[in-house]
Each structure stands twice: as C-alpha cells, then as structure tokens.
Amino acid sequence: MRDHYSHETIHVRFRYKDCDCCPSRSLCSRAKKEPRELPLRLQAEHVTLQMARRWQQTEAFKEEYAKDAGIEGTI
C-alpha cells in the first residue's frame, strides 16, 4: 500500500473490539466508531527519516539552513 506521498507503507488496522472499550481511545483516534488505523513506513525509510529529523536539530544544520534562508530571502 502507498501513502498520499507515494511512499510504500504497511497498513495496520486494530480490531473494533480492542479499540471500542479502550479508555485511552480519544488519545490516539478522532474516529467516533471505527477502530484505529496506522500507516507504517518500511524500516529503512523510518530510520532514514528519524536520522534526518535528528540532523535538523543540530547547530550545524541550523547554520547551513540560515545561509540558505538568507540567500532565498534576497531573491
């Protein structure tokens, strides 16, 4: 299955009887009656995405981004 960005995903759907009685249901789903559904990325893509997110929190990234933002701001 693919998500709306055309990334390969694994689609997980919980059973109705597991979600319906869960006291934390409102914390993980806005659906009124349907059970929770999750699209999961393949492991390699997930790991790559997590690494990119960590890189974006570093000072080196912020310095590099500031240069690009300054250049784009002058255009």
PDB file of N, CA and C in Angstrom:
ATOM      1  N   MET A   1       0.838  -1.168   0.000  1.00  0.00           N
ATOM      2  CA  MET A   1       0.000   0.000   0.000  1.00  0.00           C
ATOM      3  C   MET A   1       0.893   1.244   0.000  1.00  0.00           C
ATOM      4  N   ARG A   2       0.402   2.343  -0.529  1.00  0.00           N
ATOM      5  CA  ARG A   2       1.170   3.586  -0.573  1.00  0.00           C
ATOM      6  C   ARG A   2       0.403   4.704   0.132  1.00  0.00           C
ATOM      7  N   ASP A   3       1.156   5.625   0.758  1.00  0.00           N
ATOM      8  CA  ASP A   3       0.514   6.764   1.401  1.00  0.00           C
ATOM      9  C   ASP A   3       0.268   7.864   0.370  1.00  0.00           C
ATOM     10  N   HIS A   4      -0.221   9.024   0.782  1.00  0.00           N
ATOM     11  CA  HIS A   4      -0.557  10.079  -0.161  1.00  0.00           C
ATOM     12  C   HIS A   4       0.675  10.774  -0.734  1.00  0.00           C
ATOM     13  N   TYR A   5       1.879  10.412  -0.264  1.00  0.00           N
ATOM     14  CA  TYR A   5       3.127  10.907  -0.856  1.00  0.00           C
ATOM     15  C   TYR A   5       3.764   9.845  -1.739  1.00  0.00           C
ATOM     16  N   SER A   6       3.051   8.747  -1.976  1.00  0.00           N
ATOM     17  CA  SER A   6       3.514   7.610  -2.785  1.00  0.00           C
ATOM     18  C   SER A   6       4.632   6.808  -2.133  1.00  0.00           C
ATOM     19  N   HIS A   7       4.757   6.896  -0.799  1.00  0.00           N
ATOM     20  CA  HIS A   7       5.726   6.071  -0.083  1.00  0.00           C
ATOM     21  C   HIS A   7       5.101   4.711   0.212  1.00  0.00           C
ATOM     22  N   GLU A   8       5.905   3.680   0.084  1.00  0.00           N
ATOM     23  CA  GLU A   8       5.454   2.329   0.403  1.00  0.00           C
ATOM     24  C   GLU A   8       5.179   2.241   1.904  1.00  0.00           C
ATOM     25  N   THR A   9       4.023   1.727   2.287  1.00  0.00           N
ATOM     26  CA  THR A   9       3.666   1.609   3.698  1.00  0.00           C
ATOM     27  C   THR A   9       3.036   0.255   3.994  1.00  0.00           C
ATOM     28  N   ILE A  10       3.025  -0.069   5.249  1.00  0.00           N
ATOM     29  CA  ILE A  10       2.290  -1.232   5.747  1.00  0.00           C
ATOM     30  C   ILE A  10       1.109  -0.661   6.511  1.00  0.00           C
ATOM     31  N   HIS A  11      -0.079  -1.119   6.204  1.00  0.00           N
ATOM     32  CA  HIS A  11      -1.285  -0.568   6.813  1.00  0.00           C
ATOM     33  C   HIS A  11      -1.770  -1.510   7.911  1.00  0.00           C
ATOM     34  N   VAL A  12      -1.902  -0.977   9.133  1.00  0.00           N
ATOM     35  CA  VAL A  12      -2.340  -1.771  10.285  1.00  0.00           C
ATOM     36  C   VAL A  12      -3.688  -1.244  10.749  1.00  0.00           C
ATOM     37  N   ARG A  13      -4.611  -2.148  10.965  1.00  0.00           N
ATOM     38  CA  ARG A  13      -5.922  -1.764  11.480  1.00  0.00           C
ATOM     39  C   ARG A  13      -6.225  -2.614  12.706  1.00  0.00           C
ATOM     40  N   PHE A  14      -6.550  -1.942  13.798  1.00  0.00           N
ATOM     41  CA  PHE A  14      -6.865  -2.648  15.041  1.00  0.00           C
ATOM     42  C   PHE A  14      -8.284  -3.211  14.979  1.00  0.00           C
ATOM     43  N   ARG A  15      -8.539  -4.223  15.781  1.00  0.00           N
ATOM     44  CA  ARG A  15      -9.870  -4.809  15.819  1.00  0.00           C
ATOM     45  C   ARG A  15     -10.830  -3.869  16.547  1.00  0.00           C
ATOM     46  N   TYR A  16     -12.066  -3.851  16.098  1.00  0.00           N
ATOM     47  CA  TYR A  16     -13.086  -2.998  16.709  1.00  0.00           C
ATOM     48  C   TYR A  16     -13.221  -3.280  18.203  1.00  0.00           C
ATOM     49  N   LYS A  17     -13.242  -4.554  18.566  1.00  0.00           N
ATOM     50  CA  LYS A  17     -13.453  -4.880  19.982  1.00  0.00           C
ATOM     51  C   LYS A  17     -12.269  -4.465  20.852  1.00  0.00           C
ATOM     52  N   ASP A  18     -11.080  -4.298  20.277  1.00  0.00           N
ATOM     53  CA  ASP A  18      -9.927  -3.820  21.045  1.00  0.00           C
ATOM     54  C   ASP A  18      -9.986  -2.307  21.251  1.00  0.00           C
ATOM     55  N   CYS A  19     -10.420  -1.587  20.232  1.00  0.00           N
ATOM     56  CA  CYS A  19     -10.463  -0.115  20.318  1.00  0.00           C
ATOM     57  C   CYS A  19     -11.700   0.411  21.033  1.00  0.00           C
ATOM     58  N   ASP A  20     -12.813  -0.240  20.850  1.00  0.00           N
ATOM     59  CA  ASP A  20     -14.086   0.275  21.362  1.00  0.00           C
ATOM     60  C   ASP A  20     -14.080   0.457  22.874  1.00  0.00           C
ATOM     61  N   CYS A  21     -13.514  -0.462  23.603  1.00  0.00           N
ATOM     62  CA  CYS A  21     -13.560  -0.402  25.066  1.00  0.00           C
ATOM     63  C   CYS A  21     -12.318   0.255  25.679  1.00  0.00           C
ATOM     64  N   CYS A  22     -11.381   0.698  24.860  1.00  0.00           N
ATOM     65  CA  CYS A  22     -10.129   1.259  25.372  1.00  0.00           C
ATOM     66  C   CYS A  22     -10.362   2.620  26.037  1.00  0.00           C
ATOM     67  N   PRO A  23      -9.925   2.802  27.287  1.00  0.00           N
ATOM     68  CA  PRO A  23     -10.120   4.080  27.979  1.00  0.00           C
ATOM     69  C   PRO A  23      -9.270   5.219  27.389  1.00  0.00           C
ATOM     70  N   SER A  24      -8.243   4.876  26.622  1.00  0.00           N
ATOM     71  CA  SER A  24      -7.370   5.897  26.019  1.00  0.00           C
ATOM     72  C   SER A  24      -7.691   6.157  24.558  1.00  0.00           C
ATOM     73  N   ARG A  25      -8.805   5.676  24.090  1.00  0.00           N
ATOM     74  CA  ARG A  25      -9.175   5.780  22.675  1.00  0.00           C
ATOM     75  C   ARG A  25      -9.100   7.211  22.159  1.00  0.00           C
ATOM     76  N   SER A  26      -9.574   8.171  22.923  1.00  0.00           N
ATOM     77  CA  SER A  26      -9.595   9.562  22.467  1.00  0.00           C
ATOM     78  C   SER A  26      -8.188  10.145  22.316  1.00  0.00           C
ATOM     79  N   LEU A  27      -7.192   9.522  22.911  1.00  0.00           N
ATOM     80  CA  LEU A  27      -5.816   9.997  22.801  1.00  0.00           C
ATOM     81  C   LEU A  27      -5.135   9.553  21.507  1.00  0.00           C
ATOM     82  N   CYS A  28      -5.655   8.514  20.868  1.00  0.00           N
ATOM     83  CA  CYS A  28      -4.977   8.026  19.663  1.00  0.00           C
ATOM     84  C   CYS A  28      -5.855   8.022  18.422  1.00  0.00           C
ATOM     85  N   SER A  29      -7.141   8.346  18.551  1.00  0.00           N
ATOM     86  CA  SER A  29      -8.008   8.351  17.373  1.00  0.00           C
ATOM     87  C   SER A  29      -9.128   9.368  17.542  1.00  0.00           C
ATOM     88  N   ARG A  30      -9.432  10.071  16.451  1.00  0.00           N
ATOM     89  CA  ARG A  30     -10.566  11.005  16.471  1.00  0.00           C
ATOM     90  C   ARG A  30     -11.828  10.353  15.911  1.00  0.00           C
ATOM     91  N   ALA A  31     -11.686   9.148  15.386  1.00  0.00           N
ATOM     92  CA  ALA A  31     -12.831   8.441  14.811  1.00  0.00           C
ATOM     93  C   ALA A  31     -13.844   8.136  15.905  1.00  0.00           C
ATOM     94  N   LYS A  32     -15.119   8.314  15.592  1.00  0.00           N
ATOM     95  CA  LYS A  32     -16.169   8.079  16.584  1.00  0.00           C
ATOM     96  C   LYS A  32     -16.459   6.593  16.779  1.00  0.00           C
ATOM     97  N   LYS A  33     -16.453   5.819  15.687  1.00  0.00           N
ATOM     98  CA  LYS A  33     -16.828   4.416  15.792  1.00  0.00           C
ATOM     99  C   LYS A  33     -15.788   3.460  15.220  1.00  0.00           C
ATOM    100  N   GLU A  34     -15.076   3.881  14.202  1.00  0.00           N
ATOM    101  CA  GLU A  34     -14.130   2.979  13.547  1.00  0.00           C
ATOM    102  C   GLU A  34     -12.889   2.755  14.422  1.00  0.00           C
ATOM    103  N   PRO A  35     -12.267   1.583  14.298  1.00  0.00           N
ATOM    104  CA  PRO A  35     -11.050   1.321  15.077  1.00  0.00           C
ATOM    105  C   PRO A  35      -9.853   2.104  14.523  1.00  0.00           C
ATOM    106  N   ARG A  36      -8.797   2.151  15.271  1.00  0.00           N
ATOM    107  CA  ARG A  36      -7.580   2.871  14.909  1.00  0.00           C
ATOM    108  C   ARG A  36      -6.906   2.224  13.710  1.00  0.00           C
ATOM    109  N   GLU A  37      -6.410   3.050  12.792  1.00  0.00           N
ATOM    110  CA  GLU A  37      -5.650   2.578  11.640  1.00  0.00           C
ATOM    111  C   GLU A  37      -4.323   3.323  11.593  1.00  0.00           C
ATOM    112  N   LEU A  38      -3.244   2.610  11.284  1.00  0.00           N
ATOM    113  CA  LEU A  38      -1.926   3.216  11.225  1.00  0.00           C
ATOM    114  C   LEU A  38      -1.209   2.854   9.929  1.00  0.00           C
ATOM    115  N   PRO A  39      -0.722   3.845   9.198  1.00  0.00           N
ATOM    116  CA  PRO A  39       0.179   3.532   8.093  1.00  0.00           C
ATOM    117  C   PRO A  39       1.610   3.554   8.629  1.00  0.00           C
ATOM    118  N   LEU A  40       2.352   2.491   8.446  1.00  0.00           N
ATOM    119  CA  LEU A  40       3.726   2.408   8.939  1.00  0.00           C
ATOM    120  C   LEU A  40       4.684   2.381   7.753  1.00  0.00           C
ATOM    121  N   ARG A  41       5.746   3.167   7.840  1.00  0.00           N
ATOM    122  CA  ARG A  41       6.762   3.147   6.791  1.00  0.00           C
ATOM    123  C   ARG A  41       7.615   1.889   6.933  1.00  0.00           C
ATOM    124  N   LEU A  42       8.257   1.509   5.846  1.00  0.00           N
ATOM    125  CA  LEU A  42       9.186   0.399   5.914  1.00  0.00           C
ATOM    126  C   LEU A  42      10.344   0.807   6.822  1.00  0.00           C
ATOM    127  N   GLN A  43      11.004  -0.144   7.459  1.00  0.00           N
ATOM    128  CA  GLN A  43      12.007   0.158   8.474  1.00  0.00           C
ATOM    129  C   GLN A  43      13.126   1.050   7.937  1.00  0.00           C
ATOM    130  N   ALA A  44      13.641   0.776   6.757  1.00  0.00           N
ATOM    131  CA  ALA A  44      14.738   1.574   6.212  1.00  0.00           C
ATOM    132  C   ALA A  44      14.321   3.035   6.035  1.00  0.00           C
ATOM    133  N   GLU A  45      13.116   3.271   5.544  1.00  0.00           N
ATOM    134  CA  GLU A  45      12.628   4.638   5.377  1.00  0.00           C
ATOM    135  C   GLU A  45      12.402   5.311   6.733  1.00  0.00           C
ATOM    136  N   HIS A  46      11.888   4.577   7.688  1.00  0.00           N
ATOM    137  CA  HIS A  46      11.647   5.125   9.020  1.00  0.00           C
ATOM    138  C   HIS A  46      12.961   5.560   9.675  1.00  0.00           C
ATOM    139  N   VAL A  47      13.981   4.699   9.591  1.00  0.00           N
ATOM    140  CA  VAL A  47      15.283   5.008  10.188  1.00  0.00           C
ATOM    141  C   VAL A  47      15.891   6.241   9.511  1.00  0.00           C
ATOM    142  N   THR A  48      15.805   6.310   8.193  1.00  0.00           N
ATOM    143  CA  THR A  48      16.337   7.451   7.460  1.00  0.00           C
ATOM    144  C   THR A  48      15.619   8.737   7.865  1.00  0.00           C
ATOM    145  N   LEU A  49      14.317   8.690   7.983  1.00  0.00           N
ATOM    146  CA  LEU A  49      13.538   9.853   8.389  1.00  0.00           C
ATOM    147  C   LEU A  49      13.907  10.312   9.803  1.00  0.00           C
ATOM    148  N   GLN A  50      14.073   9.369  10.716  1.00  0.00           N
ATOM    149  CA  GLN A  50      14.461   9.715  12.086  1.00  0.00           C
ATOM    150  C   GLN A  50      15.852  10.353  12.125  1.00  0.00           C
ATOM    151  N   MET A  51      16.777   9.846  11.319  1.00  0.00           N
ATOM    152  CA  MET A  51      18.120  10.429  11.258  1.00  0.00           C
ATOM    153  C   MET A  51      18.058  11.858  10.724  1.00  0.00           C
ATOM    154  N   ALA A  52      17.247  12.091   9.701  1.00  0.00           N
ATOM    155  CA  ALA A  52      17.106  13.433   9.131  1.00  0.00           C
ATOM    156  C   ALA A  52      16.505  14.391  10.157  1.00  0.00           C
ATOM    157  N   ARG A  53      15.539  13.931  10.920  1.00  0.00           N
ATOM    158  CA  ARG A  53      14.927  14.779  11.942  1.00  0.00           C
ATOM    159  C   ARG A  53      15.930  15.129  13.043  1.00  0.00           C
ATOM    160  N   ARG A  54      16.779  14.164  13.429  1.00  0.00           N
ATOM    161  CA  ARG A  54      17.818  14.460  14.422  1.00  0.00           C
ATOM    162  C   ARG A  54      18.833  15.459  13.859  1.00  0.00           C
ATOM    163  N   TRP A  55      19.222  15.313  12.609  1.00  0.00           N
ATOM    164  CA  TRP A  55      20.160  16.230  11.953  1.00  0.00           C
ATOM    165  C   TRP A  55      19.600  17.644  11.938  1.00  0.00           C
ATOM    166  N   GLN A  56      18.300  17.787  11.743  1.00  0.00           N
ATOM    167  CA  GLN A  56      17.686  19.115  11.698  1.00  0.00           C
ATOM    168  C   GLN A  56      17.724  19.827  13.054  1.00  0.00           C
ATOM    169  N   GLN A  57      17.993  19.121  14.120  1.00  0.00           N
ATOM    170  CA  GLN A  57      18.066  19.723  15.452  1.00  0.00           C
ATOM    171  C   GLN A  57      19.483  20.167  15.820  1.00  0.00           C
ATOM    172  N   THR A  58      20.481  19.865  14.971  1.00  0.00           N
ATOM    173  CA  THR A  58      21.874  20.201  15.285  1.00  0.00           C
ATOM    174  C   THR A  58      22.196  21.645  14.916  1.00  0.00           C
ATOM    175  N   GLU A  59      23.230  22.173  15.561  1.00  0.00           N
ATOM    176  CA  GLU A  59      23.685  23.531  15.253  1.00  0.00           C
ATOM    177  C   GLU A  59      24.218  23.616  13.831  1.00  0.00           C
ATOM    178  N   ALA A  60      24.894  22.573  13.365  1.00  0.00           N
ATOM    179  CA  ALA A  60      25.439  22.568  12.005  1.00  0.00           C
ATOM    180  C   ALA A  60      24.323  22.738  10.977  1.00  0.00           C
ATOM    181  N   PHE A  61      23.220  22.040  11.168  1.00  0.00           N
ATOM    182  CA  PHE A  61      22.093  22.173  10.248  1.00  0.00           C
ATOM    183  C   PHE A  61      21.519  23.586  10.313  1.00  0.00           C
ATOM    184  N   LYS A  62      21.345  24.113  11.519  1.00  0.00           N
ATOM    185  CA  LYS A  62      20.747  25.443  11.683  1.00  0.00           C
ATOM    186  C   LYS A  62      21.614  26.516  11.032  1.00  0.00           C
ATOM    187  N   GLU A  63      22.944  26.380  11.119  1.00  0.00           N
ATOM    188  CA  GLU A  63      23.842  27.327  10.458  1.00  0.00           C
ATOM    189  C   GLU A  63      23.710  27.229   8.941  1.00  0.00           C
ATOM    190  N   GLU A  64      23.679  26.019   8.433  1.00  0.00           N
ATOM    191  CA  GLU A  64      23.542  25.796   6.984  1.00  0.00           C
ATOM    192  C   GLU A  64      22.197  26.313   6.485  1.00  0.00           C
ATOM    193  N   TYR A  65      21.158  26.054   7.234  1.00  0.00           N
ATOM    194  CA  TYR A  65      19.820  26.500   6.856  1.00  0.00           C
ATOM    195  C   TYR A  65      19.728  28.021   6.872  1.00  0.00           C
ATOM    196  N   ALA A  66      20.376  28.652   7.840  1.00  0.00           N
ATOM    197  CA  ALA A  66      20.357  30.115   7.929  1.00  0.00           C
ATOM    198  C   ALA A  66      20.984  30.742   6.689  1.00  0.00           C
ATOM    199  N   LYS A  67      22.074  30.128   6.178  1.00  0.00           N
ATOM    200  CA  LYS A  67      22.708  30.624   4.943  1.00  0.00           C
ATOM    201  C   LYS A  67      21.724  30.537   3.783  1.00  0.00           C
ATOM    202  N   ASP A  68      21.095  29.376   3.635  1.00  0.00           N
ATOM    203  CA  ASP A  68      20.136  29.184   2.537  1.00  0.00           C
ATOM    204  C   ASP A  68      18.960  30.140   2.656  1.00  0.00           C
ATOM    205  N   ALA A  69      18.460  30.321   3.866  1.00  0.00           N
ATOM    206  CA  ALA A  69      17.317  31.205   4.078  1.00  0.00           C
ATOM    207  C   ALA A  69      17.698  32.644   3.733  1.00  0.00           C
ATOM    208  N   GLY A  70      18.929  33.046   4.067  1.00  0.00           N
ATOM    209  CA  GLY A  70      19.378  34.392   3.734  1.00  0.00           C
ATOM    210  C   GLY A  70      19.467  34.616   2.250  1.00  0.00           C
ATOM    211  N   ILE A  71      19.967  33.618   1.543  1.00  0.00           N
ATOM    212  CA  ILE A  71      20.086  33.719   0.077  1.00  0.00           C
ATOM    213  C   ILE A  71      18.697  33.752  -0.538  1.00  0.00           C
ATOM    214  N   GLU A  72      17.803  32.874  -0.112  1.00  0.00           N
ATOM    215  CA  GLU A  72      16.458  32.841  -0.671  1.00  0.00           C
ATOM    216  C   GLU A  72      15.700  34.122  -0.351  1.00  0.00           C
ATOM    217  N   GLY A  73      15.987  34.724   0.783  1.00  0.00           N
ATOM    218  CA  GLY A  73      15.306  35.961   1.158  1.00  0.00           C
ATOM    219  C   GLY A  73      15.673  37.139   0.276  1.00  0.00           C
ATOM    220  N   THR A  74      16.843  37.083  -0.342  1.00  0.00           N
ATOM    221  CA  THR A  74      17.272  38.192  -1.209  1.00  0.00           C
ATOM    222  C   THR A  74      16.762  38.053  -2.626  1.00  0.00           C
ATOM    223  N   ILE A  75      16.286  36.884  -2.957  1.00  0.00           N
ATOM    224  CA  ILE A  75      15.806  36.641  -4.341  1.00  0.00           C
ATOM    225  C   ILE A  75      14.402  37.173  -4.527  1.00  0.00           C
TER     226      ILE A  75
END
